[in-house]
């Protein structure tokens, strides 16, 4: 009988939202906030807990998520969020993960990844464990990857240029991909236009379902 694995999530929400011009984690989306949608999606997709890296307006984000998800969400802060890049937040978050077998890595500004995408990655891992499993759409690797916990020391030790994208090049032979039919893996909300399109496409879906 196969051992039941412990799956966690690492969600990145430390940035300044410079391109948006507003603080995007707390922007409204589908009856909640953008960051609640992101964290809620990965918890619904099979993660037992989500470790969220906060920075700018950390207290506001932490209060919102604690109210929404209780003890299923944990926090660690990138105190140097204004001067560091995403890789710094990834390392801080990876170091703070609870003991787990694997974890999803999801930027906090990707709020509409479908539950089915997470579940497909988990199903693939059960059949063919791999160091990193990416969803692909139209042949392109997208977030969220499902990363085996044995990669955590490698992530913590990496200090080269190019962030995880460069690190994955060194482990190309250990990466697997799973095709998905989910436009949500393309949606990252960086700019006002991104946000407007996201609300048009996904708030409308919510309203149609409620009608």
C-alpha atoms as a PDB file:
ATOM      1  CA  UNK A   1       0.000   0.000   0.000  1.00  0.00           C
ATOM      2  CA  UNK A   2       1.409   3.385  -1.024  1.00  0.00           C
ATOM      3  CA  UNK A   3       2.232   5.753   1.830  1.00  0.00           C
ATOM      4  CA  UNK A   4       0.044   8.829   1.967  1.00  0.00           C
ATOM      5  CA  UNK A   5       2.227  11.805   1.196  1.00  0.00           C
ATOM      6  CA  UNK A   6       2.165  15.156   2.940  1.00  0.00           C
ATOM      7  CA  UNK A   7       1.787  17.974   0.422  1.00  0.00           C
ATOM      8  CA  UNK A   8       2.334  21.626   1.327  1.00  0.00           C
ATOM      9  CA  UNK A   9       2.313  24.900  -0.563  1.00  0.00           C
ATOM     10  CA  UNK A  10       4.617  27.889  -0.723  1.00  0.00           C
ATOM     11  CA  UNK A  11       2.850  31.105  -1.778  1.00  0.00           C
ATOM     12  CA  UNK A  12       4.783  34.295  -2.510  1.00  0.00           C
ATOM     13  CA  UNK A  13       3.186  37.601  -1.475  1.00  0.00           C
ATOM     14  CA  UNK A  14       5.996  39.891  -0.347  1.00  0.00           C
ATOM     15  CA  UNK A  15       6.218  42.380  -3.205  1.00  0.00           C
ATOM     16  CA  UNK A  16       5.452  46.078  -3.509  1.00  0.00           C
ATOM     17  CA  UNK A  17       2.950  45.774  -6.402  1.00  0.00           C
ATOM     18  CA  UNK A  18       4.810  48.552  -8.236  1.00  0.00           C
ATOM     19  CA  UNK A  19       3.427  47.693 -11.695  1.00  0.00           C
ATOM     20  CA  UNK A  20      -0.129  47.513 -10.409  1.00  0.00           C
ATOM     21  CA  UNK A  21      -0.080  50.888  -8.662  1.00  0.00           C
ATOM     22  CA  UNK A  22      -2.302  49.428  -5.919  1.00  0.00           C
ATOM     23  CA  UNK A  23      -1.641  46.707  -3.363  1.00  0.00           C
ATOM     24  CA  UNK A  24      -2.724  43.747  -5.445  1.00  0.00           C
ATOM     25  CA  UNK A  25      -3.008  40.987  -2.794  1.00  0.00           C
ATOM     26  CA  UNK A  26      -6.015  42.776  -1.288  1.00  0.00           C
ATOM     27  CA  UNK A  27      -7.759  43.726  -4.516  1.00  0.00           C
ATOM     28  CA  UNK A  28     -11.276  42.234  -4.772  1.00  0.00           C
ATOM     29  CA  UNK A  29     -11.840  39.129  -6.861  1.00  0.00           C
ATOM     30  CA  UNK A  30     -14.702  36.611  -6.874  1.00  0.00           C
ATOM     31  CA  UNK A  31     -16.160  37.812  -3.593  1.00  0.00           C
ATOM     32  CA  UNK A  32     -12.838  37.733  -1.723  1.00  0.00           C
ATOM     33  CA  UNK A  33      -9.351  39.172  -2.167  1.00  0.00           C
ATOM     34  CA  UNK A  34      -6.849  38.196  -4.821  1.00  0.00           C
ATOM     35  CA  UNK A  35      -4.528  36.534  -2.288  1.00  0.00           C
ATOM     36  CA  UNK A  36      -7.424  34.583  -0.746  1.00  0.00           C
ATOM     37  CA  UNK A  37      -8.183  33.204  -4.199  1.00  0.00           C
ATOM     38  CA  UNK A  38      -4.553  32.144  -4.684  1.00  0.00           C
ATOM     39  CA  UNK A  39      -4.183  30.489  -1.286  1.00  0.00           C
ATOM     40  CA  UNK A  40      -7.655  28.970  -1.455  1.00  0.00           C
ATOM     41  CA  UNK A  41      -6.943  27.396  -4.823  1.00  0.00           C
ATOM     42  CA  UNK A  42      -3.832  25.545  -3.670  1.00  0.00           C
ATOM     43  CA  UNK A  43      -5.485  24.354  -0.465  1.00  0.00           C
ATOM     44  CA  UNK A  44      -8.455  23.088  -2.471  1.00  0.00           C
ATOM     45  CA  UNK A  45      -5.986  21.430  -4.831  1.00  0.00           C
ATOM     46  CA  UNK A  46      -4.446  19.125  -2.264  1.00  0.00           C
ATOM     47  CA  UNK A  47      -2.042  21.114  -0.087  1.00  0.00           C
ATOM     48  CA  UNK A  48      -2.608  20.512   3.602  1.00  0.00           C
ATOM     49  CA  UNK A  49      -1.077  23.850   4.587  1.00  0.00           C
ATOM     50  CA  UNK A  50       0.193  26.948   2.818  1.00  0.00           C
ATOM     51  CA  UNK A  51       3.267  28.854   3.928  1.00  0.00           C
ATOM     52  CA  UNK A  52       2.889  32.439   2.722  1.00  0.00           C
ATOM     53  CA  UNK A  53       5.894  34.741   2.388  1.00  0.00           C
ATOM     54  CA  UNK A  54       4.811  38.270   3.239  1.00  0.00           C
ATOM     55  CA  UNK A  55       6.682  41.557   3.168  1.00  0.00           C
ATOM     56  CA  UNK A  56       5.058  44.841   2.209  1.00  0.00           C
ATOM     57  CA  UNK A  57       1.921  45.329   4.326  1.00  0.00           C
ATOM     58  CA  UNK A  58       2.562  41.939   5.870  1.00  0.00           C
ATOM     59  CA  UNK A  59       0.161  42.459   8.751  1.00  0.00           C
ATOM     60  CA  UNK A  60      -2.757  43.245   6.446  1.00  0.00           C
ATOM     61  CA  UNK A  61      -2.178  40.133   4.339  1.00  0.00           C
ATOM     62  CA  UNK A  62      -1.706  37.918   7.375  1.00  0.00           C
ATOM     63  CA  UNK A  63      -4.915  39.123   9.033  1.00  0.00           C
ATOM     64  CA  UNK A  64      -6.993  38.499   5.903  1.00  0.00           C
ATOM     65  CA  UNK A  65      -5.598  35.012   5.344  1.00  0.00           C
ATOM     66  CA  UNK A  66      -5.807  34.013   9.005  1.00  0.00           C
ATOM     67  CA  UNK A  67      -9.488  34.931   9.062  1.00  0.00           C
ATOM     68  CA  UNK A  68     -10.126  32.980   5.881  1.00  0.00           C
ATOM     69  CA  UNK A  69      -8.089  29.820   6.490  1.00  0.00           C
ATOM     70  CA  UNK A  70      -7.161  29.623  10.164  1.00  0.00           C
ATOM     71  CA  UNK A  71      -4.327  27.280  11.029  1.00  0.00           C
ATOM     72  CA  UNK A  72      -4.076  25.918   7.486  1.00  0.00           C
ATOM     73  CA  UNK A  73      -1.985  28.975   6.635  1.00  0.00           C
ATOM     74  CA  UNK A  74       1.425  29.876   8.084  1.00  0.00           C
ATOM     75  CA  UNK A  75       3.506  33.009   7.592  1.00  0.00           C
ATOM     76  CA  UNK A  76       7.128  33.980   7.250  1.00  0.00           C
ATOM     77  CA  UNK A  77       8.309  37.477   6.414  1.00  0.00           C
ATOM     78  CA  UNK A  78      10.869  38.721   3.922  1.00  0.00           C
ATOM     79  CA  UNK A  79      11.947  41.802   5.833  1.00  0.00           C
ATOM     80  CA  UNK A  80      14.134  42.964   2.928  1.00  0.00           C
ATOM     81  CA  UNK A  81      11.278  42.767   0.386  1.00  0.00           C
ATOM     82  CA  UNK A  82      12.031  46.232  -1.032  1.00  0.00           C
ATOM     83  CA  UNK A  83      15.624  45.387  -1.962  1.00  0.00           C
ATOM     84  CA  UNK A  84      15.490  41.692  -2.884  1.00  0.00           C
ATOM     85  CA  UNK A  85      14.067  39.604  -5.694  1.00  0.00           C
ATOM     86  CA  UNK A  86      11.624  36.713  -5.772  1.00  0.00           C
ATOM     87  CA  UNK A  87      14.382  34.168  -5.240  1.00  0.00           C
ATOM     88  CA  UNK A  88      15.043  35.637  -1.806  1.00  0.00           C
ATOM     89  CA  UNK A  89      11.391  35.102  -0.878  1.00  0.00           C
ATOM     90  CA  UNK A  90      11.506  31.562  -2.248  1.00  0.00           C
ATOM     91  CA  UNK A  91      14.523  30.730  -0.092  1.00  0.00           C
ATOM     92  CA  UNK A  92      12.935  32.260   3.005  1.00  0.00           C
ATOM     93  CA  UNK A  93       9.730  30.349   2.369  1.00  0.00           C
ATOM     94  CA  UNK A  94      11.439  27.049   1.544  1.00  0.00           C
ATOM     95  CA  UNK A  95      13.402  27.231   4.792  1.00  0.00           C
ATOM     96  CA  UNK A  96      10.165  27.736   6.742  1.00  0.00           C
ATOM     97  CA  UNK A  97       8.138  24.913   5.192  1.00  0.00           C
ATOM     98  CA  UNK A  98       6.866  22.252   7.581  1.00  0.00           C
ATOM     99  CA  UNK A  99       8.012  18.690   7.073  1.00  0.00           C
ATOM    100  CA  UNK A 100       6.432  17.475   3.833  1.00  0.00           C
ATOM    101  CA  UNK A 101       7.063  15.193   0.896  1.00  0.00           C
ATOM    102  CA  UNK A 102       6.524  17.839  -1.782  1.00  0.00           C
ATOM    103  CA  UNK A 103       5.202  21.364  -2.173  1.00  0.00           C
ATOM    104  CA  UNK A 104       3.445  23.503  -4.754  1.00  0.00           C
ATOM    105  CA  UNK A 105       5.126  26.833  -5.525  1.00  0.00           C
ATOM    106  CA  UNK A 106       2.565  29.496  -6.400  1.00  0.00           C
ATOM    107  CA  UNK A 107       3.082  33.244  -6.882  1.00  0.00           C
ATOM    108  CA  UNK A 108       0.407  35.044  -4.912  1.00  0.00           C
ATOM    109  CA  UNK A 109      -0.687  36.986  -7.991  1.00  0.00           C
ATOM    110  CA  UNK A 110      -1.892  33.823  -9.776  1.00  0.00           C
ATOM    111  CA  UNK A 111      -5.413  33.601  -8.325  1.00  0.00           C
ATOM    112  CA  UNK A 112      -7.330  31.447 -10.815  1.00  0.00           C
ATOM    113  CA  UNK A 113      -5.391  28.210 -11.274  1.00  0.00           C
ATOM    114  CA  UNK A 114      -8.036  25.486 -11.349  1.00  0.00           C
ATOM    115  CA  UNK A 115      -8.314  22.734  -8.777  1.00  0.00           C
ATOM    116  CA  UNK A 116      -7.942  20.221 -11.585  1.00  0.00           C
ATOM    117  CA  UNK A 117      -4.424  21.440 -12.394  1.00  0.00           C
ATOM    118  CA  UNK A 118      -3.173  20.797  -8.867  1.00  0.00           C
ATOM    119  CA  UNK A 119      -4.868  17.402  -8.820  1.00  0.00           C
ATOM    120  CA  UNK A 120      -3.307  16.394 -12.152  1.00  0.00           C
ATOM    121  CA  UNK A 121       0.157  17.170 -10.837  1.00  0.00           C
ATOM    122  CA  UNK A 122      -0.487  15.108  -7.728  1.00  0.00           C
ATOM    123  CA  UNK A 123      -1.861  12.204  -9.776  1.00  0.00           C
ATOM    124  CA  UNK A 124       1.238  12.245 -11.985  1.00  0.00           C
ATOM    125  CA  UNK A 125       3.511  12.256  -8.928  1.00  0.00           C
ATOM    126  CA  UNK A 126       1.766   9.195  -7.503  1.00  0.00           C
ATOM    127  CA  UNK A 127       2.521   7.294 -10.706  1.00  0.00           C
ATOM    128  CA  UNK A 128       5.966   8.710 -11.487  1.00  0.00           C
ATOM    129  CA  UNK A 129       7.667  10.675  -8.691  1.00  0.00           C
ATOM    130  CA  UNK A 130       9.972  13.387  -9.987  1.00  0.00           C
ATOM    131  CA  UNK A 131      12.066  16.212  -8.565  1.00  0.00           C
ATOM    132  CA  UNK A 132       9.898  18.852 -10.261  1.00  0.00           C
ATOM    133  CA  UNK A 133       6.592  18.493 -12.115  1.00  0.00           C
ATOM    134  CA  UNK A 134       5.314  21.428 -14.168  1.00  0.00           C
ATOM    135  CA  UNK A 135       1.901  21.918 -15.729  1.00  0.00           C
ATOM    136  CA  UNK A 136       2.123  22.848 -19.398  1.00  0.00           C
ATOM    137  CA  UNK A 137      -0.321  24.711 -21.615  1.00  0.00           C
ATOM    138  CA  UNK A 138       0.266  24.789 -25.367  1.00  0.00           C
ATOM    139  CA  UNK A 139       3.696  23.309 -24.687  1.00  0.00           C
ATOM    140  CA  UNK A 140       4.822  26.043 -22.266  1.00  0.00           C
ATOM    141  CA  UNK A 141       5.797  25.331 -18.684  1.00  0.00           C
ATOM    142  CA  UNK A 142       3.704  27.315 -16.250  1.00  0.00           C
ATOM    143  CA  UNK A 143       3.135  27.662 -12.512  1.00  0.00           C
ATOM    144  CA  UNK A 144       2.582  26.027 -10.130  1.00  0.00           C
ATOM    145  CA  UNK A 145       5.342  23.410 -10.174  1.00  0.00           C
ATOM    146  CA  UNK A 146       5.114  20.554  -7.696  1.00  0.00           C
ATOM    147  CA  UNK A 147       8.577  20.259  -6.135  1.00  0.00           C
ATOM    148  CA  UNK A 148       9.899  17.278  -4.209  1.00  0.00           C
ATOM    149  CA  UNK A 149      11.100  18.170  -0.717  1.00  0.00           C
ATOM    150  CA  UNK A 150      14.546  16.730  -1.443  1.00  0.00           C
ATOM    151  CA  UNK A 151      15.092  19.826  -3.626  1.00  0.00           C
ATOM    152  CA  UNK A 152      14.801  22.212  -0.669  1.00  0.00           C
ATOM    153  CA  UNK A 153      18.525  22.114   0.300  1.00  0.00           C
ATOM    154  CA  UNK A 154      19.438  22.743  -3.352  1.00  0.00           C
ATOM    155  CA  UNK A 155      17.094  25.736  -3.511  1.00  0.00           C
ATOM    156  CA  UNK A 156      18.508  27.133  -0.272  1.00  0.00           C
ATOM    157  CA  UNK A 157      22.078  26.757  -1.505  1.00  0.00           C
ATOM    158  CA  UNK A 158      21.542  28.295  -4.946  1.00  0.00           C
ATOM    159  CA  UNK A 159      22.990  31.802  -5.222  1.00  0.00           C
ATOM    160  CA  UNK A 160      23.469  32.198  -8.958  1.00  0.00           C
ATOM    161  CA  UNK A 161      21.851  34.645 -11.329  1.00  0.00           C
ATOM    162  CA  UNK A 162      18.512  33.911 -12.961  1.00  0.00           C
ATOM    163  CA  UNK A 163      16.630  32.516  -9.968  1.00  0.00           C
ATOM    164  CA  UNK A 164      14.786  29.224 -10.163  1.00  0.00           C
ATOM    165  CA  UNK A 165      14.611  29.389 -13.945  1.00  0.00           C
ATOM    166  CA  UNK A 166      18.388  29.025 -14.031  1.00  0.00           C
ATOM    167  CA  UNK A 167      18.393  26.367 -11.330  1.00  0.00           C
ATOM    168  CA  UNK A 168      15.918  24.235 -13.260  1.00  0.00           C
ATOM    169  CA  UNK A 169      18.275  24.230 -16.240  1.00  0.00           C
ATOM    170  CA  UNK A 170      20.739  22.323 -14.078  1.00  0.00           C
ATOM    171  CA  UNK A 171      18.086  19.707 -13.268  1.00  0.00           C
ATOM    172  CA  UNK A 172      16.458  19.403 -16.677  1.00  0.00           C
ATOM    173  CA  UNK A 173      16.720  15.622 -16.626  1.00  0.00           C
ATOM    174  CA  UNK A 174      14.754  15.436 -13.380  1.00  0.00           C
ATOM    175  CA  UNK A 175      11.858  17.619 -14.550  1.00  0.00           C
ATOM    176  CA  UNK A 176       8.575  16.183 -15.811  1.00  0.00           C
ATOM    177  CA  UNK A 177       5.590  17.953 -17.349  1.00  0.00           C
ATOM    178  CA  UNK A 178       1.833  17.411 -17.341  1.00  0.00           C
ATOM    179  CA  UNK A 179      -0.375  18.984 -20.053  1.00  0.00           C
ATOM    180  CA  UNK A 180      -3.398  20.800 -18.604  1.00  0.00           C
ATOM    181  CA  UNK A 181      -6.419  22.510 -20.100  1.00  0.00           C
ATOM    182  CA  UNK A 182      -6.464  25.471 -17.721  1.00  0.00           C
ATOM    183  CA  UNK A 183      -6.155  29.060 -18.881  1.00  0.00           C
ATOM    184  CA  UNK A 184      -5.610  30.002 -15.234  1.00  0.00           C
ATOM    185  CA  UNK A 185      -1.967  28.925 -15.455  1.00  0.00           C
ATOM    186  CA  UNK A 186      -1.422  31.873 -17.827  1.00  0.00           C
ATOM    187  CA  UNK A 187      -3.046  34.432 -15.518  1.00  0.00           C
ATOM    188  CA  UNK A 188      -0.676  36.412 -13.349  1.00  0.00           C
ATOM    189  CA  UNK A 189      -2.021  39.775 -12.228  1.00  0.00           C
ATOM    190  CA  UNK A 190       0.807  42.278 -12.557  1.00  0.00           C
ATOM    191  CA  UNK A 191      -0.785  45.358 -14.128  1.00  0.00           C
ATOM    192  CA  UNK A 192      -4.143  47.166 -14.103  1.00  0.00           C
ATOM    193  CA  UNK A 193      -4.904  45.629 -17.517  1.00  0.00           C
ATOM    194  CA  UNK A 194      -4.141  42.134 -16.168  1.00  0.00           C
ATOM    195  CA  UNK A 195      -6.481  42.755 -13.244  1.00  0.00           C
ATOM    196  CA  UNK A 196      -9.265  44.108 -15.424  1.00  0.00           C
ATOM    197  CA  UNK A 197      -9.074  41.117 -17.757  1.00  0.00           C
ATOM    198  CA  UNK A 198      -8.990  38.710 -14.824  1.00  0.00           C
ATOM    199  CA  UNK A 199     -12.123  40.225 -13.316  1.00  0.00           C
ATOM    200  CA  UNK A 200     -13.905  40.272 -16.655  1.00  0.00           C
ATOM    201  CA  UNK A 201     -13.115  36.621 -17.322  1.00  0.00           C
ATOM    202  CA  UNK A 202     -13.375  35.104 -13.851  1.00  0.00           C
ATOM    203  CA  UNK A 203     -15.783  37.285 -11.866  1.00  0.00           C
ATOM    204  CA  UNK A 204     -18.253  36.769 -14.711  1.00  0.00           C
ATOM    205  CA  UNK A 205     -17.862  32.979 -14.320  1.00  0.00           C
ATOM    206  CA  UNK A 206     -18.646  33.244 -10.616  1.00  0.00           C
ATOM    207  CA  UNK A 207     -21.707  35.379 -11.240  1.00  0.00           C
ATOM    208  CA  UNK A 208     -23.022  33.049 -13.925  1.00  0.00           C
ATOM    209  CA  UNK A 209     -22.717  30.091 -11.558  1.00  0.00           C
ATOM    210  CA  UNK A 210     -24.592  31.989  -8.843  1.00  0.00           C
ATOM    211  CA  UNK A 211     -27.363  33.124 -11.214  1.00  0.00           C
END
